[in-house]
C-alpha atoms as a PDB file:
ATOM      1  CA  MET A   1      -0.051  -0.183  -0.002  1.00  0.00           C
ATOM      2  CA  PRO A   2       1.423   3.453  -1.163  1.00  0.00           C
ATOM      3  CA  PRO A   3       2.140   5.879   1.697  1.00  0.00           C
ATOM      4  CA  ALA A   4      -0.975   8.447   2.759  1.00  0.00           C
ATOM      5  CA  SER A   5      -0.441  11.518   1.175  1.00  0.00           C
ATOM      6  CA  ILE A   6      -0.813  14.951   2.429  1.00  0.00           C
ATOM      7  CA  LYS A   7      -4.027  15.355   0.771  1.00  0.00           C
ATOM      8  CA  GLU A   8      -5.727  12.125   2.606  1.00  0.00           C
ATOM      9  CA  VAL A   9      -4.588  13.473   5.870  1.00  0.00           C
ATOM     10  CA  ALA A  10      -6.393  16.990   5.038  1.00  0.00           C
ATOM     11  CA  GLN A  11      -9.627  15.108   4.125  1.00  0.00           C
ATOM     12  CA  HIS A  12      -9.444  12.728   6.769  1.00  0.00           C
ATOM     13  CA  ALA A  13      -9.182  15.517   9.571  1.00  0.00           C
ATOM     14  CA  GLY A  14     -11.714  17.859   7.695  1.00  0.00           C
ATOM     15  CA  VAL A  15      -9.173  20.441   7.161  1.00  0.00           C
ATOM     16  CA  SER A  16      -7.559  22.508   4.253  1.00  0.00           C
ATOM     17  CA  LEU A  17      -4.036  21.437   3.138  1.00  0.00           C
ATOM     18  CA  GLY A  18      -2.466  24.647   4.367  1.00  0.00           C
ATOM     19  CA  THR A  19      -4.152  23.550   7.741  1.00  0.00           C
ATOM     20  CA  VAL A  20      -1.844  20.473   7.356  1.00  0.00           C
ATOM     21  CA  SER A  21       1.134  22.126   6.588  1.00  0.00           C
ATOM     22  CA  ASN A  22       0.775  24.417   9.679  1.00  0.00           C
ATOM     23  CA  VAL A  23       0.421  21.871  12.100  1.00  0.00           C
ATOM     24  CA  LEU A  24       3.570  20.196  10.347  1.00  0.00           C
ATOM     25  CA  ASN A  25       5.755  23.252  10.042  1.00  0.00           C
ATOM     26  CA  ARG A  26       4.009  26.135  12.396  1.00  0.00           C
ATOM     27  CA  PRO A  27       2.013  24.137  14.855  1.00  0.00           C
ATOM     28  CA  GLU A  28       1.746  27.405  17.247  1.00  0.00           C
ATOM     29  CA  MET A  29      -0.236  29.061  14.628  1.00  0.00           C
ATOM     30  CA  VAL A  30      -2.915  26.284  14.609  1.00  0.00           C
ATOM     31  CA  ALA A  31      -5.781  25.621  17.564  1.00  0.00           C
ATOM     32  CA  GLU A  32      -5.095  23.138  20.059  1.00  0.00           C
ATOM     33  CA  ALA A  33      -8.476  21.190  18.945  1.00  0.00           C
ATOM     34  CA  THR A  34      -7.512  21.142  15.274  1.00  0.00           C
ATOM     35  CA  ARG A  35      -3.744  20.402  16.225  1.00  0.00           C
ATOM     36  CA  ARG A  36      -5.102  17.410  17.639  1.00  0.00           C
ATOM     37  CA  ARG A  37      -7.560  16.780  14.867  1.00  0.00           C
ATOM     38  CA  VAL A  38      -4.597  16.429  12.340  1.00  0.00           C
ATOM     39  CA  LEU A  39      -2.110  14.568  14.479  1.00  0.00           C
ATOM     40  CA  ASP A  40      -4.689  12.118  15.175  1.00  0.00           C
ATOM     41  CA  ALA A  41      -5.302  11.898  11.172  1.00  0.00           C
ATOM     42  CA  ILE A  42      -1.642  11.426  10.682  1.00  0.00           C
ATOM     43  CA  ALA A  43      -0.957   8.289  13.056  1.00  0.00           C
ATOM     44  CA  GLU A  44      -4.096   6.591  12.222  1.00  0.00           C
ATOM     45  CA  LEU A  45      -3.053   7.194   8.404  1.00  0.00           C
ATOM     46  CA  GLY A  46       0.399   6.466   8.900  1.00  0.00           C
ATOM     47  CA  TYR A  47       1.434   9.472   6.910  1.00  0.00           C
ATOM     48  CA  VAL A  48       5.218  10.266   6.966  1.00  0.00           C
ATOM     49  CA  ARG A  49       5.898  13.818   5.747  1.00  0.00           C
ATOM     50  CA  ASN A  50       8.548  13.691   2.748  1.00  0.00           C
ATOM     51  CA  ASP A  51      11.481  16.052   4.576  1.00  0.00           C
ATOM     52  CA  SER A  52      13.580  15.909   1.619  1.00  0.00           C
ATOM     53  CA  ALA A  53      10.869  17.145  -1.133  1.00  0.00           C
ATOM     54  CA  ARG A  54      10.484  20.164   1.249  1.00  0.00           C
ATOM     55  CA  GLN A  55      14.234  20.840   1.607  1.00  0.00           C
ATOM     56  CA  LEU A  56      14.741  20.818  -2.229  1.00  0.00           C
ATOM     57  CA  ARG A  57      11.894  23.135  -2.581  1.00  0.00           C
ATOM     58  CA  ALA A  58      13.373  25.417  -0.140  1.00  0.00           C
ATOM     59  CA  GLY A  59      16.669  24.912  -1.892  1.00  0.00           C
ATOM     60  CA  ARG A  60      18.755  23.411   1.055  1.00  0.00           C
ATOM     61  CA  SER A  61      19.156  20.024   2.598  1.00  0.00           C
ATOM     62  CA  ARG A  62      19.616  19.446   6.401  1.00  0.00           C
ATOM     63  CA  THR A  63      21.969  16.880   5.328  1.00  0.00           C
ATOM     64  CA  ILE A  64      25.899  17.408   5.773  1.00  0.00           C
ATOM     65  CA  ALA A  65      28.228  14.759   4.385  1.00  0.00           C
ATOM     66  CA  ILE A  66      31.750  14.012   5.740  1.00  0.00           C
ATOM     67  CA  VAL A  67      34.356  12.426   3.258  1.00  0.00           C
ATOM     68  CA  VAL A  68      36.886  10.558   5.044  1.00  0.00           C
ATOM     69  CA  LEU A  69      40.107   8.507   4.014  1.00  0.00           C
ATOM     70  CA  ASP A  70      39.616   5.592   5.761  1.00  0.00           C
ATOM     71  CA  VAL A  71      36.590   4.632   8.150  1.00  0.00           C
ATOM     72  CA  ALA A  72      38.143   1.828   9.479  1.00  0.00           C
ATOM     73  CA  ASN A  73      40.917   4.162  10.760  1.00  0.00           C
ATOM     74  CA  PRO A  74      39.984   5.402  14.728  1.00  0.00           C
ATOM     75  CA  PHE A  75      41.491   8.714  14.089  1.00  0.00           C
ATOM     76  CA  PHE A  76      38.271   9.417  11.770  1.00  0.00           C
ATOM     77  CA  THR A  77      36.180   7.779  13.692  1.00  0.00           C
ATOM     78  CA  ASP A  78      37.012  10.278  16.825  1.00  0.00           C
ATOM     79  CA  VAL A  79      36.565  13.505  13.715  1.00  0.00           C
ATOM     80  CA  VAL A  80      33.270  11.953  12.744  1.00  0.00           C
ATOM     81  CA  ARG A  81      31.954  11.611  16.253  1.00  0.00           C
ATOM     82  CA  GLY A  82      33.112  15.518  17.103  1.00  0.00           C
ATOM     83  CA  ALA A  83      31.623  16.993  13.826  1.00  0.00           C
ATOM     84  CA  GLU A  84      28.261  14.775  14.232  1.00  0.00           C
ATOM     85  CA  GLN A  85      27.617  16.570  17.860  1.00  0.00           C
ATOM     86  CA  VAL A  86      27.484  19.614  16.182  1.00  0.00           C
ATOM     87  CA  ILE A  87      25.631  18.717  13.210  1.00  0.00           C
ATOM     88  CA  GLU A  88      22.986  17.177  15.310  1.00  0.00           C
ATOM     89  CA  ALA A  89      22.666  20.116  17.671  1.00  0.00           C
ATOM     90  CA  ALA A  90      21.923  22.294  14.844  1.00  0.00           C
ATOM     91  CA  GLY A  91      18.803  19.450  13.723  1.00  0.00           C
ATOM     92  CA  SER A  92      20.733  18.223  10.646  1.00  0.00           C
ATOM     93  CA  MET A  93      22.033  14.878  10.047  1.00  0.00           C
ATOM     94  CA  LEU A  94      25.475  13.604   8.991  1.00  0.00           C
ATOM     95  CA  VAL A  95      26.114  11.006   6.234  1.00  0.00           C
ATOM     96  CA  VAL A  96      29.747   9.345   6.247  1.00  0.00           C
ATOM     97  CA  CYS A  97      31.360   8.426   3.149  1.00  0.00           C
ATOM     98  CA  ASN A  98      34.806   6.449   2.744  1.00  0.00           C
ATOM     99  CA  SER A  99      36.904   6.753   0.084  1.00  0.00           C
ATOM    100  CA  GLY A 100      39.376   4.351   0.779  1.00  0.00           C
ATOM    101  CA  GLU A 101      42.364   6.572  -0.273  1.00  0.00           C
ATOM    102  CA  ASN A 102      40.849   6.619  -3.680  1.00  0.00           C
ATOM    103  CA  ALA A 103      40.120   9.175  -5.893  1.00  0.00           C
ATOM    104  CA  ALA A 104      38.026   7.507  -8.296  1.00  0.00           C
ATOM    105  CA  ARG A 105      35.807   6.461  -5.286  1.00  0.00           C
ATOM    106  CA  GLU A 106      36.023   9.816  -3.962  1.00  0.00           C
ATOM    107  CA  ASP A 107      34.937  11.181  -7.258  1.00  0.00           C
ATOM    108  CA  ARG A 108      31.541   9.254  -7.316  1.00  0.00           C
ATOM    109  CA  HIS A 109      30.890  10.008  -3.345  1.00  0.00           C
ATOM    110  CA  LEU A 110      31.341  13.531  -4.464  1.00  0.00           C
ATOM    111  CA  GLU A 111      29.212  13.283  -7.547  1.00  0.00           C
ATOM    112  CA  LEU A 112      26.177  11.587  -5.760  1.00  0.00           C
ATOM    113  CA  LEU A 113      26.003  14.138  -2.671  1.00  0.00           C
ATOM    114  CA  GLU A 114      26.058  17.010  -5.545  1.00  0.00           C
ATOM    115  CA  GLU A 115      22.982  15.118  -7.155  1.00  0.00           C
ATOM    116  CA  GLN A 116      21.503  14.783  -3.566  1.00  0.00           C
ATOM    117  CA  ARG A 117      21.924  18.544  -2.895  1.00  0.00           C
ATOM    118  CA  VAL A 118      23.209  18.078   0.291  1.00  0.00           C
ATOM    119  CA  GLY A 119      23.803  21.046   2.625  1.00  0.00           C
ATOM    120  CA  GLY A 120      27.681  20.896   2.625  1.00  0.00           C
ATOM    121  CA  ILE A 121      30.327  18.479   2.708  1.00  0.00           C
ATOM    122  CA  LEU A 122      33.131  18.064   5.095  1.00  0.00           C
ATOM    123  CA  ILE A 123      36.394  16.188   3.199  1.00  0.00           C
ATOM    124  CA  THR A 124      39.623  14.797   4.007  1.00  0.00           C
ATOM    125  CA  PRO A 125      40.985  14.565   0.267  1.00  0.00           C
ATOM    126  CA  VAL A 126      42.831  12.094  -0.993  1.00  0.00           C
ATOM    127  CA  ALA A 127      45.397  14.151  -2.549  1.00  0.00           C
ATOM    128  CA  ASP A 128      46.142  17.761  -3.080  1.00  0.00           C
ATOM    129  CA  ASP A 129      45.442  17.722  -6.783  1.00  0.00           C
ATOM    130  CA  ARG A 130      41.536  17.406  -5.956  1.00  0.00           C
ATOM    131  CA  GLN A 131      41.349  21.008  -6.159  1.00  0.00           C
ATOM    132  CA  PRO A 132      39.594  21.451  -9.122  1.00  0.00           C
ATOM    133  CA  VAL A 133      36.621  18.839  -7.829  1.00  0.00           C
ATOM    134  CA  LEU A 134      36.139  20.713  -4.924  1.00  0.00           C
ATOM    135  CA  LYS A 135      35.982  24.093  -6.988  1.00  0.00           C
ATOM    136  CA  ARG A 136      33.303  22.555  -9.027  1.00  0.00           C
ATOM    137  CA  LEU A 137      31.100  21.974  -5.883  1.00  0.00           C
ATOM    138  CA  ILE A 138      31.970  25.431  -4.600  1.00  0.00           C
ATOM    139  CA  ASP A 139      31.006  26.870  -7.850  1.00  0.00           C
ATOM    140  CA  ARG A 140      27.621  25.179  -7.524  1.00  0.00           C
ATOM    141  CA  GLY A 141      26.841  26.328  -4.218  1.00  0.00           C
ATOM    142  CA  ILE A 142      27.886  23.653  -2.069  1.00  0.00           C
ATOM    143  CA  PRO A 143      29.960  24.926   1.044  1.00  0.00           C
ATOM    144  CA  VAL A 144      33.171  22.485   1.477  1.00  0.00           C
ATOM    145  CA  VAL A 145      35.354  22.562   4.635  1.00  0.00           C
ATOM    146  CA  LEU A 146      38.513  20.668   4.502  1.00  0.00           C
ATOM    147  CA  VAL A 147      39.137  18.104   7.530  1.00  0.00           C
ATOM    148  CA  ASP A 148      42.714  17.582   8.752  1.00  0.00           C
ATOM    149  CA  ARG A 149      44.413  19.459   5.496  1.00  0.00           C
ATOM    150  CA  GLY A 150      45.044  22.939   4.897  1.00  0.00           C
ATOM    151  CA  ALA A 151      42.785  24.679   2.249  1.00  0.00           C
ATOM    152  CA  GLY A 152      45.497  25.870  -0.056  1.00  0.00           C
ATOM    153  CA  THR A 153      43.146  28.637  -1.050  1.00  0.00           C
ATOM    154  CA  ALA A 154      41.573  31.569   0.011  1.00  0.00           C
ATOM    155  CA  ASN A 155      37.803  30.140  -1.162  1.00  0.00           C
ATOM    156  CA  ARG A 156      37.102  27.571   1.627  1.00  0.00           C
ATOM    157  CA  CYS A 157      37.582  27.024   4.939  1.00  0.00           C
ATOM    158  CA  SER A 158      40.143  24.435   6.870  1.00  0.00           C
ATOM    159  CA  VAL A 159      40.737  22.964  10.074  1.00  0.00           C
ATOM    160  CA  ALA A 160      43.878  21.313  10.497  1.00  0.00           C
ATOM    161  CA  VAL A 161      46.871  19.865  12.513  1.00  0.00           C
ATOM    162  CA  ASP A 162      50.357  21.420  12.178  1.00  0.00           C
ATOM    163  CA  ASP A 163      51.979  18.146  10.856  1.00  0.00           C
ATOM    164  CA  GLU A 164      55.534  19.182  10.023  1.00  0.00           C
ATOM    165  CA  LEU A 165      55.731  20.174  13.787  1.00  0.00           C
ATOM    166  CA  GLY A 166      54.307  16.808  14.930  1.00  0.00           C
ATOM    167  CA  GLY A 167      57.071  15.244  12.492  1.00  0.00           C
ATOM    168  CA  ARG A 168      59.659  17.058  14.226  1.00  0.00           C
ATOM    169  CA  LEU A 169      58.367  16.548  17.754  1.00  0.00           C
ATOM    170  CA  ALA A 170      58.589  12.707  17.412  1.00  0.00           C
ATOM    171  CA  VAL A 171      62.012  12.894  15.571  1.00  0.00           C
ATOM    172  CA  ASP A 172      63.383  15.393  18.031  1.00  0.00           C
ATOM    173  CA  HIS A 173      62.727  12.866  20.651  1.00  0.00           C
ATOM    174  CA  LEU A 174      64.278   9.985  19.482  1.00  0.00           C
ATOM    175  CA  LEU A 175      67.339  11.929  18.644  1.00  0.00           C
ATOM    176  CA  GLU A 176      67.154  13.251  22.428  1.00  0.00           C
ATOM    177  CA  ARG A 177      66.994   9.536  23.441  1.00  0.00           C
ATOM    178  CA  GLY A 178      70.119   9.069  21.311  1.00  0.00           C
ATOM    179  CA  HIS A 179      69.049   7.671  18.278  1.00  0.00           C
ATOM    180  CA  ARG A 180      70.783   8.266  15.051  1.00  0.00           C
ATOM    181  CA  ARG A 181      69.500   5.465  12.258  1.00  0.00           C
ATOM    182  CA  ILE A 182      65.500   6.574  12.314  1.00  0.00           C
ATOM    183  CA  ALA A 183      62.935   5.211  10.013  1.00  0.00           C
ATOM    184  CA  TYR A 184      60.124   7.059   8.677  1.00  0.00           C
ATOM    185  CA  VAL A 185      57.384   4.611   7.844  1.00  0.00           C
ATOM    186  CA  GLY A 186      54.132   6.230   5.860  1.00  0.00           C
ATOM    187  CA  GLY A 187      52.638   6.544   2.414  1.00  0.00           C
ATOM    188  CA  PRO A 188      51.530   7.093  -0.330  1.00  0.00           C
ATOM    189  CA  PHE A 189      53.328  10.232  -0.228  1.00  0.00           C
ATOM    190  CA  GLY A 190      50.196  12.014  -2.367  1.00  0.00           C
ATOM    191  CA  ILE A 191      48.835  12.058   1.201  1.00  0.00           C
ATOM    192  CA  ALA A 192      49.703  15.757   2.631  1.00  0.00           C
ATOM    193  CA  GLN A 193      49.702  14.733   6.271  1.00  0.00           C
ATOM    194  CA  VAL A 194      52.318  11.865   5.093  1.00  0.00           C
ATOM    195  CA  ALA A 195      54.335  14.055   3.406  1.00  0.00           C
ATOM    196  CA  ASP A 196      54.019  16.889   5.848  1.00  0.00           C
ATOM    197  CA  ARG A 197      55.293  14.545   8.596  1.00  0.00           C
ATOM    198  CA  HIS A 198      58.013  13.304   6.657  1.00  0.00           C
ATOM    199  CA  ALA A 199      59.059  16.922   6.033  1.00  0.00           C
ATOM    200  CA  GLY A 200      59.294  17.741   9.923  1.00  0.00           C
ATOM    201  CA  ALA A 201      61.140  14.698  10.251  1.00  0.00           C
ATOM    202  CA  SER A 202      64.080  15.579   7.539  1.00  0.00           C
ATOM    203  CA  ALA A 203      64.134  18.954   9.331  1.00  0.00           C
ATOM    204  CA  ALA A 204      64.874  17.516  12.811  1.00  0.00           C
ATOM    205  CA  VAL A 205      67.866  15.270  11.467  1.00  0.00           C
ATOM    206  CA  ALA A 206      69.080  18.061   8.899  1.00  0.00           C
ATOM    207  CA  GLY A 207      70.910  19.667  11.982  1.00  0.00           C
ATOM    208  CA  ILE A 208      72.587  16.565  13.442  1.00  0.00           C
ATOM    209  CA  PRO A 209      75.451  15.561  11.120  1.00  0.00           C
ATOM    210  CA  ASP A 210      76.019  11.612  12.163  1.00  0.00           C
ATOM    211  CA  ALA A 211      71.970  11.469  11.902  1.00  0.00           C
ATOM    212  CA  ASP A 212      70.164   9.534   9.007  1.00  0.00           C
ATOM    213  CA  LEU A 213      66.489   9.154   8.070  1.00  0.00           C
ATOM    214  CA  ILE A 214      65.447   6.152   6.716  1.00  0.00           C
ATOM    215  CA  VAL A 215      62.307   6.141   4.207  1.00  0.00           C
ATOM    216  CA  ALA A 216      60.119   2.813   4.211  1.00  0.00           C
ATOM    217  CA  GLU A 217      57.212   3.838   2.088  1.00  0.00           C
ATOM    218  CA  THR A 218      53.928   2.097   2.536  1.00  0.00           C
ATOM    219  CA  PRO A 219      51.163   1.936  -0.147  1.00  0.00           C
ATOM    220  CA  ASN A 220      48.835   2.758   2.887  1.00  0.00           C
ATOM    221  CA  LEU A 221      48.051   3.845   6.186  1.00  0.00           C
ATOM    222  CA  THR A 222      47.291   0.386   7.379  1.00  0.00           C
ATOM    223  CA  VAL A 223      48.394  -2.395  10.362  1.00  0.00           C
ATOM    224  CA  ALA A 224      49.070  -4.936   7.501  1.00  0.00           C
ATOM    225  CA  SER A 225      51.538  -1.850   5.555  1.00  0.00           C
ATOM    226  CA  GLY A 226      53.180  -1.357   8.892  1.00  0.00           C
ATOM    227  CA  ARG A 227      54.357  -5.072   9.118  1.00  0.00           C
ATOM    228  CA  ASP A 228      55.408  -5.234   5.840  1.00  0.00           C
ATOM    229  CA  ALA A 229      57.531  -2.089   6.295  1.00  0.00           C
ATOM    230  CA  ALA A 230      59.068  -3.335   9.615  1.00  0.00           C
ATOM    231  CA  ARG A 231      59.611  -6.440   7.749  1.00  0.00           C
ATOM    232  CA  ARG A 232      62.098  -4.859   5.337  1.00  0.00           C
ATOM    233  CA  LEU A 233      63.603  -2.609   8.017  1.00  0.00           C
ATOM    234  CA  VAL A 234      64.461  -5.146  10.289  1.00  0.00           C
ATOM    235  CA  THR A 235      66.293  -7.480   7.679  1.00  0.00           C
ATOM    236  CA  ARG A 236      68.638  -4.673   6.726  1.00  0.00           C
ATOM    237  CA  PRO A 237      72.233  -5.540   7.620  1.00  0.00           C
ATOM    238  CA  MET A 238      72.718  -4.792  11.230  1.00  0.00           C
ATOM    239  CA  GLY A 239      75.183  -1.634  10.457  1.00  0.00           C
ATOM    240  CA  LYS A 240      72.128  -0.245   8.499  1.00  0.00           C
ATOM    241  CA  ARG A 241      69.051  -1.046  10.299  1.00  0.00           C
ATOM    242  CA  PRO A 242      67.213   1.528  12.439  1.00  0.00           C
ATOM    243  CA  THR A 243      67.254   1.826  15.985  1.00  0.00           C
ATOM    244  CA  ALA A 244      64.081   3.634  16.108  1.00  0.00           C
ATOM    245  CA  ILE A 245      61.050   3.997  13.914  1.00  0.00           C
ATOM    246  CA  PHE A 246      58.658   7.173  13.529  1.00  0.00           C
ATOM    247  CA  CYS A 247      55.220   6.032  11.871  1.00  0.00           C
ATOM    248  CA  ALA A 248      53.138   8.373  10.119  1.00  0.00           C
ATOM    249  CA  ASN A 249      49.926   7.072  11.678  1.00  0.00           C
ATOM    250  CA  ASP A 250      49.289   4.775  14.793  1.00  0.00           C
ATOM    251  CA  LEU A 251      47.578   1.894  12.625  1.00  0.00           C
ATOM    252  CA  LEU A 252      51.327   1.843  10.836  1.00  0.00           C
ATOM    253  CA  ALA A 253      52.968   1.925  14.143  1.00  0.00           C
ATOM    254  CA  LEU A 254      50.853  -1.081  15.670  1.00  0.00           C
ATOM    255  CA  GLY A 255      51.740  -3.058  12.879  1.00  0.00           C
ATOM    256  CA  VAL A 256      55.507  -2.127  13.384  1.00  0.00           C
ATOM    257  CA  LEU A 257      55.136  -3.347  17.005  1.00  0.00           C
ATOM    258  CA  GLN A 258      53.446  -6.618  16.149  1.00  0.00           C
ATOM    259  CA  GLU A 259      56.296  -7.279  13.455  1.00  0.00           C
ATOM    260  CA  VAL A 260      59.418  -6.067  15.727  1.00  0.00           C
ATOM    261  CA  THR A 261      57.929  -8.349  18.788  1.00  0.00           C
ATOM    262  CA  THR A 262      57.362 -11.526  16.626  1.00  0.00           C
ATOM    263  CA  ARG A 263      60.907 -11.545  15.442  1.00  0.00           C
ATOM    264  CA  GLY A 264      62.176 -11.333  19.089  1.00  0.00           C
ATOM    265  CA  LEU A 265      63.144  -7.761  18.855  1.00  0.00           C
ATOM    266  CA  ARG A 266      62.837  -5.663  22.205  1.00  0.00           C
ATOM    267  CA  VAL A 267      60.826  -2.268  22.102  1.00  0.00           C
ATOM    268  CA  PRO A 268      62.132  -0.308  23.382  1.00  0.00           C
ATOM    269  CA  ASP A 269      65.635  -1.507  24.123  1.00  0.00           C
ATOM    270  CA  ASP A 270      66.359  -2.904  20.582  1.00  0.00           C
ATOM    271  CA  MET A 271      63.729  -0.721  18.394  1.00  0.00           C
ATOM    272  CA  ALA A 272      62.080   2.467  19.746  1.00  0.00           C
ATOM    273  CA  ILE A 273      58.734   3.280  18.142  1.00  0.00           C
ATOM    274  CA  VAL A 274      56.849   6.412  17.829  1.00  0.00           C
ATOM    275  CA  GLY A 275      53.299   6.683  16.262  1.00  0.00           C
ATOM    276  CA  TYR A 276      50.886   9.652  15.311  1.00  0.00           C
ATOM    277  CA  ASP A 277      47.143  10.493  15.881  1.00  0.00           C
ATOM    278  CA  ASP A 278      47.506   8.744  19.564  1.00  0.00           C
ATOM    279  CA  ILE A 279      44.121   6.792  19.069  1.00  0.00           C
ATOM    280  CA  GLU A 280      43.014   4.836  21.765  1.00  0.00           C
ATOM    281  CA  PHE A 281      44.826   1.863  20.865  1.00  0.00           C
ATOM    282  CA  ALA A 282      48.110   3.496  21.133  1.00  0.00           C
ATOM    283  CA  GLY A 283      47.968   3.576  24.780  1.00  0.00           C
ATOM    284  CA  ALA A 284      46.063   0.328  24.922  1.00  0.00           C
ATOM    285  CA  ALA A 285      48.953  -1.672  22.863  1.00  0.00           C
ATOM    286  CA  ALA A 286      50.953  -4.933  24.643  1.00  0.00           C
ATOM    287  CA  VAL A 287      53.919  -2.261  24.468  1.00  0.00           C
ATOM    288  CA  PRO A 288      51.972   1.240  25.163  1.00  0.00           C
ATOM    289  CA  LEU A 289      53.108   3.408  22.157  1.00  0.00           C
ATOM    290  CA  SER A 290      54.536   6.482  22.200  1.00  0.00           C
ATOM    291  CA  SER A 291      52.262   8.961  19.865  1.00  0.00           C
ATOM    292  CA  VAL A 292      51.899  12.380  18.284  1.00  0.00           C
ATOM    293  CA  ARG A 293      48.537  13.380  19.642  1.00  0.00           C
ATOM    294  CA  GLN A 294      45.855  15.264  17.372  1.00  0.00           C
ATOM    295  CA  PRO A 295      42.718  16.716  18.926  1.00  0.00           C
ATOM    296  CA  ARG A 296      40.737  14.562  16.893  1.00  0.00           C
ATOM    297  CA  GLU A 297      37.386  15.332  18.157  1.00  0.00           C
ATOM    298  CA  GLN A 298      38.078  19.055  18.056  1.00  0.00           C
ATOM    299  CA  LEU A 299      39.276  18.796  14.430  1.00  0.00           C
ATOM    300  CA  GLY A 300      35.383  17.301  13.841  1.00  0.00           C
ATOM    301  CA  ARG A 301      33.353  19.727  15.916  1.00  0.00           C
ATOM    302  CA  THR A 302      35.538  22.958  14.395  1.00  0.00           C
ATOM    303  CA  ALA A 303      35.146  21.635  11.091  1.00  0.00           C
ATOM    304  CA  ALA A 304      31.363  21.111  11.465  1.00  0.00           C
ATOM    305  CA  GLU A 305      30.853  24.803  13.207  1.00  0.00           C
ATOM    306  CA  LEU A 306      32.505  26.198  10.279  1.00  0.00           C
ATOM    307  CA  LEU A 307      30.707  24.434   7.812  1.00  0.00           C
ATOM    308  CA  LEU A 308      27.190  25.619   9.419  1.00  0.00           C
ATOM    309  CA  GLU A 309      28.452  29.270   9.992  1.00  0.00           C
ATOM    310  CA  GLU A 310      29.050  29.390   6.001  1.00  0.00           C
ATOM    311  CA  THR A 311      25.338  28.060   5.420  1.00  0.00           C
ATOM    312  CA  ARG A 312      23.775  30.788   7.552  1.00  0.00           C
ATOM    313  CA  ASP A 313      25.998  33.298   6.545  1.00  0.00           C
ATOM    314  CA  GLY A 314      26.380  32.774   2.663  1.00  0.00           C
ATOM    315  CA  ALA A 315      28.214  35.221   0.703  1.00  0.00           C
ATOM    316  CA  ASP A 316      29.219  37.381   3.901  1.00  0.00           C
ATOM    317  CA  HIS A 317      30.541  34.065   5.131  1.00  0.00           C
ATOM    318  CA  GLN A 318      34.526  34.807   5.935  1.00  0.00           C
ATOM    319  CA  HIS A 319      36.774  32.107   5.314  1.00  0.00           C
ATOM    320  CA  ARG A 320      39.015  30.705   7.890  1.00  0.00           C
ATOM    321  CA  HIS A 321      42.054  28.502   8.386  1.00  0.00           C
ATOM    322  CA  VAL A 322      41.812  27.018  11.903  1.00  0.00           C
ATOM    323  CA  VAL A 323      45.536  25.386  12.711  1.00  0.00           C
ATOM    324  CA  PHE A 324      45.937  22.934  15.912  1.00  0.00           C
ATOM    325  CA  GLN A 325      49.162  22.195  17.542  1.00  0.00           C
ATOM    326  CA  PRO A 326      50.401  18.667  18.119  1.00  0.00           C
ATOM    327  CA  GLU A 327      51.443  17.041  21.521  1.00  0.00           C
ATOM    328  CA  LEU A 328      53.942  14.336  21.658  1.00  0.00           C
ATOM    329  CA  VAL A 329      52.930  11.650  24.310  1.00  0.00           C
ATOM    330  CA  VAL A 330      55.654   9.555  25.650  1.00  0.00           C
ATOM    331  CA  ARG A 331      54.780   6.086  26.509  1.00  0.00           C
ATOM    332  CA  GLN A 332      57.039   2.770  26.986  1.00  0.00           C
ATOM    333  CA  SER A 333      57.739   2.509  23.304  1.00  0.00           C
ATOM    334  CA  SER A 334      60.115   4.955  23.034  1.00  0.00           C
ATOM    335  CA  ARG A 335      61.224   5.420  26.759  1.00  0.00           C
ATOM    336  CA  GLN A 336      64.697   4.081  27.278  1.00  0.00           C
ATOM    337  CA  ALA A 337      67.990   5.107  28.613  1.00  0.00           C
ATOM    338  CA  LEU A 338      70.120   7.209  26.009  1.00  0.00           C
ATOM    339  CA  ILE A 339      71.956   5.116  23.723  1.00  0.00           C
ATOM    340  CA  PRO A 340      75.801   5.934  24.390  1.00  0.00           C
END
């Protein structure tokens, strides 16, 4: 049986279409007895309002989308949680899309979201060359806010963390502990965060004459890629094997920790490890991981607030680029006596 229409509700309640509309949208304008009669008719007929059609007629949807690199990564789970708090408090709904670090998949998500005329998009793009795609959305009236990524342009808001500083904090810490052969595990380098964290790590070793940064690039930011990178690093000749590993995220670091301990190496005595993001699992690992902490939920909340400001202010909106500072959290995986 097809759902009841608003016309059938009006007939059943013995009122006009306008009265039903007022009950749904401006109930304070309708007398209590009439309002109750309409609500009873809605309940009896099982009427469900077509809110999407109403929003499309008004030219604005209350649905906001967030497109993340990897929905399985707890970092993005926390970012989404922060954004959802703000979006729901504003009476809207947040839809989560997973690009899987794949540009074609990201394109398809954005095309579908544009067709659905969402009210705005929060996104961590798969690469910096996605600017033309984002510009098209903005030109068609869909507000876009970059999450965990600098905007690189004045026509959109962004919320990010100073990842170069984060990379430097991690490697400075390892250098201070006496390490001189340090590996950087991360990839692909087309992801801005991976490149920026590497840049910070490189800057840290640049001023130390006997320090060396070994790069072990990975195809993605997963536990499996961390295990594979560690396998390549620990099988190097003893004189070329790193004594410490800095990973571009905590999932990689957990994979490195698994592989290193499986091979009988002690952490941190034989191999120190530092991750990035400080997800919940970092502190709960068998050997608690040192990590560069990002304000994950705050990233999501701030991005959502900027997006809602833009949808409210329209052409008067002033774009802002918010940059948070990372913090190094030192745990057992790198807390050791200085190497002589």
